[in-house]
Protein backbone atom coordinates (compact mmCIF):
# COMPACT_ATOMS: atom_id res chain seq x y z
CA MET A 1 68.10 -4.65 74.21
CA ASN A 2 68.98 -4.28 70.48
CA ILE A 3 66.35 -3.39 67.88
CA GLU A 4 65.80 -7.00 66.65
CA ASP A 5 65.16 -8.30 70.22
CA GLU A 6 62.87 -5.37 70.84
CA SER A 7 60.97 -6.02 67.60
CA ARG A 8 60.46 -9.67 68.71
CA SER A 9 59.13 -8.49 72.05
CA LEU A 10 56.76 -5.94 70.38
CA ARG A 11 55.53 -8.65 68.03
CA GLY A 12 54.66 -10.71 71.05
CA THR A 13 52.75 -7.85 72.62
CA ALA A 14 50.82 -7.17 69.39
CA THR A 15 49.93 -10.86 69.16
CA THR A 16 48.64 -10.91 72.72
CA ALA A 17 46.56 -7.76 72.16
CA ALA A 18 45.07 -9.08 68.87
CA LEU A 19 44.10 -12.48 70.46
CA SER A 20 42.62 -10.78 73.47
CA VAL A 21 39.67 -9.49 71.45
CA GLN A 22 39.02 -12.68 69.36
CA ASP A 23 36.18 -14.04 71.56
CA GLN A 24 34.33 -10.70 71.90
CA LEU A 25 34.39 -10.09 68.17
CA LEU A 26 33.45 -13.63 67.20
CA SER A 27 30.51 -13.43 69.66
CA ALA A 28 29.26 -10.25 67.89
CA PHE A 29 29.90 -11.49 64.35
CA ARG A 30 26.72 -12.34 62.48
CA THR A 31 24.46 -10.88 65.13
CA THR A 32 22.20 -7.84 64.83
CA MET A 33 24.29 -4.67 65.55
CA ARG A 34 23.77 -0.95 65.45
CA LEU A 35 25.66 0.89 62.70
CA ASP A 36 27.02 4.39 63.00
CA PHE A 37 28.77 6.33 60.22
CA LYS A 38 31.89 8.41 60.06
CA ARG A 39 32.68 10.11 56.76
CA ASP A 40 29.56 8.92 54.92
CA VAL A 41 27.18 5.91 54.66
CA HIS A 42 29.98 3.84 53.14
CA ASP A 43 32.25 4.37 56.21
CA ILE A 44 30.68 2.16 58.95
CA VAL A 45 31.65 1.92 62.59
CA THR A 46 30.13 -0.27 65.34
CA ALA A 47 30.33 -0.34 69.12
CA HIS A 48 32.50 -3.46 68.63
CA ASP A 49 35.24 -1.48 66.80
CA LYS A 50 35.43 0.92 69.76
CA ALA A 51 35.29 -1.76 72.49
CA SER A 52 37.90 -3.91 70.85
CA GLU A 53 40.26 -0.96 70.39
CA ARG A 54 39.97 -0.13 74.05
CA GLN A 55 40.84 -3.67 74.94
CA ILE A 56 43.82 -3.82 72.59
CA VAL A 57 45.14 -0.46 73.91
CA SER A 58 44.76 -1.75 77.54
CA VAL A 59 46.94 -4.80 76.69
CA ILE A 60 49.59 -2.75 74.89
CA LEU A 61 49.90 -0.13 77.67
CA GLY A 62 50.08 -2.89 80.23
CA GLU A 63 53.12 -4.38 78.51
CA VAL A 64 54.75 -1.35 76.94
CA PRO A 65 53.95 1.77 78.99
CA ASP A 66 56.38 3.89 76.81
CA SER A 67 53.82 4.00 73.99
CA THR A 68 51.88 6.38 71.81
CA ILE A 69 48.56 5.03 70.49
CA ILE A 70 47.28 5.98 67.04
CA GLY A 71 43.95 4.13 66.72
CA GLU A 72 41.35 4.39 63.99
CA GLU A 73 38.63 4.93 66.51
CA GLY A 74 40.35 6.64 69.38
CA GLY A 75 42.84 8.83 67.62
CA ARG A 76 46.22 9.71 69.01
CA THR A 77 46.96 9.51 72.77
CA GLY A 78 50.14 9.35 74.81
CA ASN A 79 53.71 10.49 74.01
CA GLY A 80 55.77 7.29 74.19
CA ARG A 81 58.72 6.11 72.11
CA VAL A 82 56.86 3.24 70.46
CA ASN A 83 53.98 4.30 68.21
CA TRP A 84 51.20 1.76 67.81
CA TYR A 85 48.95 1.91 64.76
CA ILE A 86 45.73 0.04 65.46
CA ASP A 87 42.79 -0.86 63.38
CA PRO A 88 40.56 -3.01 65.66
CA ILE A 89 38.40 -4.20 62.75
CA ASP A 90 39.76 -3.68 59.22
CA GLY A 91 36.76 -4.45 57.02
CA THR A 92 34.05 -3.25 59.32
CA SER A 93 31.45 -3.23 56.49
CA ASN A 94 32.19 -7.02 55.99
CA PHE A 95 32.03 -7.58 59.77
CA ALA A 96 28.74 -5.83 60.10
CA ARG A 97 27.16 -7.81 57.23
CA GLY A 98 28.44 -11.17 58.21
CA ILE A 99 31.07 -11.53 55.55
CA ALA A 100 34.21 -13.32 56.87
CA LEU A 101 36.71 -10.89 55.35
CA TRP A 102 37.81 -8.78 58.27
CA CYS A 103 40.72 -8.65 60.68
CA ILE A 104 42.59 -6.99 63.51
CA SER A 105 45.66 -5.02 62.44
CA ILE A 106 48.32 -3.80 64.93
CA ALA A 107 51.78 -2.36 64.04
CA ALA A 108 54.61 -0.99 66.24
CA VAL A 109 56.64 1.84 64.76
CA ILE A 110 59.90 3.30 66.20
CA ASP A 111 61.52 6.34 64.43
CA ASP A 112 59.21 6.06 61.46
CA ARG A 113 60.16 2.40 60.89
CA VAL A 114 57.67 -0.42 61.25
CA VAL A 115 59.33 -2.91 63.52
CA ALA A 116 56.55 -5.35 64.42
CA GLY A 117 53.12 -6.16 63.04
CA VAL A 118 50.20 -8.56 63.45
CA VAL A 119 47.19 -9.16 61.24
CA PHE A 120 44.67 -11.67 62.69
CA ASN A 121 41.48 -13.05 61.12
CA PRO A 122 39.47 -14.39 63.99
CA VAL A 123 37.09 -16.29 61.70
CA SER A 124 39.73 -18.31 59.80
CA GLY A 125 42.16 -18.27 62.74
CA ASP A 126 44.95 -17.02 60.41
CA LEU A 127 47.49 -15.14 62.49
CA PHE A 128 50.07 -13.28 60.40
CA SER A 129 52.92 -11.60 62.20
CA ALA A 130 56.33 -10.11 61.53
CA ASP A 131 59.26 -8.54 63.24
CA LEU A 132 62.67 -7.53 61.96
CA THR A 133 63.72 -11.23 61.69
CA GLY A 134 61.03 -12.52 59.39
CA GLY A 135 57.29 -12.96 58.75
CA TRP A 136 55.04 -15.83 59.79
CA LEU A 137 51.59 -17.37 59.36
CA GLY A 138 51.17 -18.95 62.72
CA ASP A 139 54.49 -20.76 63.32
CA ARG A 140 55.34 -21.16 59.61
CA LYS A 141 57.89 -18.83 58.12
CA LEU A 142 56.49 -17.02 55.08
CA ASP A 143 58.26 -16.92 51.75
CA THR A 144 55.97 -15.18 49.32
CA ARG A 145 55.77 -16.01 45.65
CA ALA A 146 53.93 -14.48 42.68
CA ALA A 147 53.12 -15.15 39.05
CA THR A 148 55.76 -13.93 36.75
CA ASP A 149 53.42 -12.43 34.12
CA GLU A 150 50.36 -10.30 34.46
CA ILE A 151 47.88 -12.50 32.72
CA SER A 152 48.59 -15.28 35.18
CA ALA A 153 48.28 -13.01 38.25
CA THR A 154 45.48 -12.34 40.69
CA ILE A 155 44.93 -8.90 42.15
CA VAL A 156 43.19 -8.53 45.56
CA SER A 157 42.20 -5.07 46.70
CA SER A 158 39.39 -2.78 47.70
CA PHE A 159 39.53 -0.93 44.38
CA PRO A 160 37.25 0.55 43.08
CA ASN A 161 35.17 1.59 46.07
CA ALA A 162 32.84 4.52 46.57
CA ARG A 163 35.68 6.77 47.72
CA ASP A 164 37.70 5.91 44.60
CA LEU A 165 34.71 6.89 42.45
CA GLN A 166 34.63 10.20 44.28
CA LEU A 167 38.28 10.80 43.72
CA PHE A 168 38.67 9.62 40.16
CA ASP A 169 35.21 9.53 38.64
CA ALA A 170 35.09 7.59 35.38
CA ALA A 171 38.94 7.11 35.41
CA ALA A 172 38.42 4.61 38.28
CA LEU A 173 36.15 2.45 36.19
CA GLU A 174 38.45 2.65 33.17
CA ALA A 175 41.37 1.60 35.34
CA HIS A 176 39.30 -1.30 36.77
CA ARG A 177 38.57 -2.44 33.22
CA THR A 178 42.27 -2.26 32.35
CA LEU A 179 43.10 -4.59 35.25
CA LEU A 180 40.25 -7.00 34.60
CA VAL A 181 41.43 -7.42 31.00
CA GLY A 182 45.15 -7.55 31.79
CA PHE A 183 45.17 -9.93 34.81
CA GLN A 184 43.81 -13.40 35.37
CA ALA A 185 41.47 -12.22 38.13
CA VAL A 186 40.67 -9.15 40.21
CA ARG A 187 38.97 -9.55 43.56
CA ASN A 188 37.67 -6.98 45.95
CA PHE A 189 38.10 -7.82 49.61
CA GLY A 190 37.25 -4.66 51.60
CA SER A 191 40.35 -4.99 53.85
CA ALA A 192 43.77 -3.68 52.87
CA ALA A 193 45.42 -5.59 55.69
CA LEU A 194 43.96 -8.97 54.49
CA CYS A 195 44.95 -8.13 50.94
CA LEU A 196 48.61 -7.56 51.93
CA THR A 197 48.75 -10.75 54.02
CA HIS A 198 47.24 -12.81 51.14
CA VAL A 199 50.06 -11.55 48.91
CA ALA A 200 52.61 -12.31 51.63
CA ALA A 201 51.24 -15.88 51.86
CA GLY A 202 51.32 -16.36 48.09
CA TRP A 203 47.51 -16.74 47.99
CA ALA A 204 47.35 -13.72 45.65
CA ASP A 205 49.97 -11.90 43.57
CA ALA A 206 49.42 -8.19 44.07
CA THR A 207 47.31 -5.55 45.78
CA MET A 208 46.82 -1.78 45.53
CA GLY A 209 44.92 1.04 47.30
CA PHE A 210 44.25 4.71 47.41
CA SER A 211 43.61 7.24 50.21
CA THR A 212 44.64 4.68 52.89
CA SER A 213 45.47 5.40 56.52
CA PRO A 214 48.61 4.09 58.27
CA TRP A 215 46.58 1.71 60.52
CA ASP A 216 45.24 0.10 57.32
CA VAL A 217 48.65 -0.92 55.98
CA ALA A 218 51.46 -0.61 58.52
CA ALA A 219 51.38 -4.21 59.88
CA GLY A 220 50.68 -5.73 56.47
CA ILE A 221 53.64 -3.86 54.96
CA LEU A 222 56.11 -5.44 57.34
CA ILE A 223 54.58 -8.89 57.00
CA LEU A 224 54.80 -8.62 53.21
CA GLU A 225 58.29 -7.21 53.09
CA GLN A 226 59.67 -9.71 55.62
CA SER A 227 58.15 -12.45 53.38
CA GLY A 228 60.04 -11.28 50.37
CA GLY A 229 57.39 -9.06 48.76
CA THR A 230 57.67 -5.37 47.66
CA TYR A 231 55.54 -2.47 48.76
CA LEU A 232 55.66 1.01 47.20
CA GLY A 233 53.85 3.92 48.82
CA TYR A 234 52.81 6.87 46.59
CA SER A 235 51.87 10.50 47.15
CA HIS A 236 50.91 12.62 44.13
CA GLY A 237 52.01 9.84 41.74
CA ALA A 238 55.55 9.69 43.23
CA ILE A 239 57.14 7.13 45.50
CA ASP A 240 57.05 8.53 49.13
CA ALA A 241 58.56 7.59 52.44
CA PRO A 242 57.96 6.27 55.05
CA ALA A 243 55.75 4.05 52.95
CA PHE A 244 53.17 3.41 55.62
CA GLN A 245 52.37 7.13 55.75
CA ALA A 246 51.79 7.39 52.02
CA PRO A 247 48.11 7.38 50.97
CA ASP A 248 48.42 5.22 47.87
CA PHE A 249 50.27 1.97 47.26
CA VAL A 250 51.02 -0.96 45.11
CA ALA A 251 52.39 -4.26 46.53
CA VAL A 252 53.50 -7.45 44.88
CA GLY A 253 54.86 -10.86 45.73
CA ALA A 254 58.50 -11.79 45.32
CA GLY A 255 59.79 -11.58 41.69
CA ALA A 256 56.71 -9.89 40.32
CA ARG A 257 56.95 -7.03 37.73
CA TYR A 258 53.51 -5.73 36.77
CA PRO A 259 53.92 -2.63 34.61
CA THR A 260 50.15 -2.28 33.85
CA LEU A 261 49.30 -2.27 37.57
CA LEU A 262 52.15 0.16 38.44
CA GLY A 263 51.01 2.42 35.61
CA VAL A 264 47.40 2.47 36.94
CA VAL A 265 48.45 3.36 40.48
CA GLU A 266 50.90 6.04 39.38
CA ARG A 267 48.41 7.70 37.06
CA LEU A 268 45.55 7.79 39.48
CA SER A 269 47.75 8.79 42.44
CA ALA A 270 48.97 11.78 40.39
CA THR A 271 45.46 13.11 39.92
CA TYR A 272 44.67 14.09 43.46
CA ASP A 273 46.42 15.60 46.53
CA GLY A 274 46.21 12.55 48.78
CA VAL A 275 43.67 14.22 51.04
CA THR A 276 39.96 13.36 51.27
CA SER A 277 37.23 15.19 53.18
CA ALA A 278 36.48 13.93 56.60
């Protein structure tokens, strides 16, 4: 099997795995749930994150036994050729509060190359996917577009959040002010994967983030790039590769050149070492 055919097959597996937890997550959404915390009170986890990851892993290993799992909740297990980066609920704080901005993100990586990805929003039913032959929203081929100038563009991101304030202090607020003034709109989603897919679909023009994890962005990167967009991963203020492993990023739709946004990301990324306390 060549790599393109394999990527199609892995996209199918990721799609099946994401859809397999739709019902259980929708049943839990907007119900009372117990909240636990990981890094701090801003970093929420629920029993539904853990249960859905177990289900996703079960589907993947049933179809692709030669796999390594890197899950947000379960960590790294296995030693297979295909590395799977799984975020069972990207946007857990939204999920736990009844805000319909959360999704399932699954990416397949071979030799440090993202070859298949799925981002699925169970509430809206939007199923984004990509392999090495293209990116799709459902059955529709994606062809991203973006505003040509900054003042006409909308940024969607999770910046600034509490972690950004810990990393950058007042510089985060000043950067936010710069973006608010320089762009038509800036919106905070609380889900990096959804931000990337909104840019891929042409529903927004750009996104950015700091101190991200590979499971936050890997699937969204492929969907965006296969739709014509551009993703740049940064470490210490410099472009780094593989991009999905870099902690900081900026991503734009096709044809966009936003020097103000790029400058903000490069300056802030250069001020810290890319590592945050657990």
